[in-house]
Amino acid sequence: MEEFPKRKDLEPDDYYMSDEGYIVFTAKYLLKRGYCCKSGCRHCPYGFDKKTGRIKKDK
């Protein structure tokens, strides 16, 4: 499997490679990035729901 190109702003626990070979960003990285991209990320810490297109607000 090909290794993801190293970037200075990425730490080893910011992402992992899925079994299918995709780069999966962790919630830690997504929080560090500072905004929701509304792409339905697997570990979205912002609560984005791809089905409704909305960010779920915590009560």
C-alpha atoms as a PDB file:
ATOM      1  CA  MET A   1       0.000   0.000   0.000  1.00  0.00           C
ATOM      2  CA  GLU A   2       1.292   3.452  -0.902  1.00  0.00           C
ATOM      3  CA  GLU A   3       2.090   5.747   2.025  1.00  0.00           C
ATOM      4  CA  PHE A   4       0.283   9.091   2.339  1.00  0.00           C
ATOM      5  CA  PRO A   5       2.697  11.942   1.526  1.00  0.00           C
ATOM      6  CA  LYS A   6       4.059  13.503   4.696  1.00  0.00           C
ATOM      7  CA  ARG A   7       2.968  17.038   5.490  1.00  0.00           C
ATOM      8  CA  LYS A   8       4.535  19.158   8.172  1.00  0.00           C
ATOM      9  CA  ASP A   9       1.165  19.966   9.772  1.00  0.00           C
ATOM     10  CA  LEU A  10       0.069  16.308  10.090  1.00  0.00           C
ATOM     11  CA  GLU A  11       0.947  14.188  13.090  1.00  0.00           C
ATOM     12  CA  PRO A  12       0.827  10.375  13.083  1.00  0.00           C
ATOM     13  CA  ASP A  13      -2.451  10.289  15.032  1.00  0.00           C
ATOM     14  CA  ASP A  14      -4.192  12.828  12.753  1.00  0.00           C
ATOM     15  CA  TYR A  15      -5.129  10.162  10.202  1.00  0.00           C
ATOM     16  CA  TYR A  16      -4.979   6.476   9.348  1.00  0.00           C
ATOM     17  CA  MET A  17      -5.309   4.438   6.174  1.00  0.00           C
ATOM     18  CA  SER A  18      -8.520   2.438   5.774  1.00  0.00           C
ATOM     19  CA  ASP A  19      -8.454  -1.163   4.583  1.00  0.00           C
ATOM     20  CA  GLU A  20      -9.617   0.151   1.201  1.00  0.00           C
ATOM     21  CA  GLY A  21      -6.608   2.486   0.992  1.00  0.00           C
ATOM     22  CA  TYR A  22      -8.367   5.760   1.818  1.00  0.00           C
ATOM     23  CA  ILE A  23      -6.994   8.420   4.153  1.00  0.00           C
ATOM     24  CA  VAL A  24      -9.303   8.798   7.162  1.00  0.00           C
ATOM     25  CA  PHE A  25      -8.839  11.878   9.326  1.00  0.00           C
ATOM     26  CA  THR A  26      -9.375  11.480  13.066  1.00  0.00           C
ATOM     27  CA  ALA A  27     -11.647  13.679  15.186  1.00  0.00           C
ATOM     28  CA  LYS A  28      -8.486  15.134  16.746  1.00  0.00           C
ATOM     29  CA  TYR A  29      -7.308  16.409  13.373  1.00  0.00           C
ATOM     30  CA  LEU A  30     -10.756  17.649  12.334  1.00  0.00           C
ATOM     31  CA  LEU A  31     -11.013  19.678  15.548  1.00  0.00           C
ATOM     32  CA  LYS A  32      -7.490  21.002  15.016  1.00  0.00           C
ATOM     33  CA  ARG A  33      -8.486  22.070  11.489  1.00  0.00           C
ATOM     34  CA  GLY A  34     -11.227  24.170  13.085  1.00  0.00           C
ATOM     35  CA  TYR A  35     -14.287  23.835  10.846  1.00  0.00           C
ATOM     36  CA  CYS A  36     -16.728  21.320   9.383  1.00  0.00           C
ATOM     37  CA  CYS A  37     -16.269  20.639   5.669  1.00  0.00           C
ATOM     38  CA  LYS A  38     -19.768  19.079   5.458  1.00  0.00           C
ATOM     39  CA  SER A  39     -18.461  16.040   3.587  1.00  0.00           C
ATOM     40  CA  GLY A  40     -19.748  13.475   6.055  1.00  0.00           C
ATOM     41  CA  CYS A  41     -16.375  12.571   7.542  1.00  0.00           C
ATOM     42  CA  ARG A  42     -16.336   9.269   9.424  1.00  0.00           C
ATOM     43  CA  HIS A  43     -15.100  10.887  12.651  1.00  0.00           C
ATOM     44  CA  CYS A  44     -16.791  14.303  12.345  1.00  0.00           C
ATOM     45  CA  PRO A  45     -16.670  15.967  15.787  1.00  0.00           C
ATOM     46  CA  TYR A  46     -19.055  18.723  14.648  1.00  0.00           C
ATOM     47  CA  GLY A  47     -22.107  16.478  14.351  1.00  0.00           C
ATOM     48  CA  PHE A  48     -22.716  16.909  10.615  1.00  0.00           C
ATOM     49  CA  ASP A  49     -25.470  14.621   9.339  1.00  0.00           C
ATOM     50  CA  LYS A  50     -24.961  13.905   5.635  1.00  0.00           C
ATOM     51  CA  LYS A  51     -28.563  12.678   5.268  1.00  0.00           C
ATOM     52  CA  THR A  52     -30.090  15.973   6.439  1.00  0.00           C
ATOM     53  CA  GLY A  53     -27.226  18.289   5.455  1.00  0.00           C
ATOM     54  CA  ARG A  54     -27.281  19.859   8.902  1.00  0.00           C
ATOM     55  CA  ILE A  55     -24.971  20.076  11.870  1.00  0.00           C
ATOM     56  CA  LYS A  56     -26.639  18.628  14.950  1.00  0.00           C
ATOM     57  CA  LYS A  57     -26.438  21.044  17.859  1.00  0.00           C
ATOM     58  CA  ASP A  58     -25.827  19.636  21.326  1.00  0.00           C
ATOM     59  CA  LYS A  59     -28.447  20.559  23.891  1.00  0.00           C
END
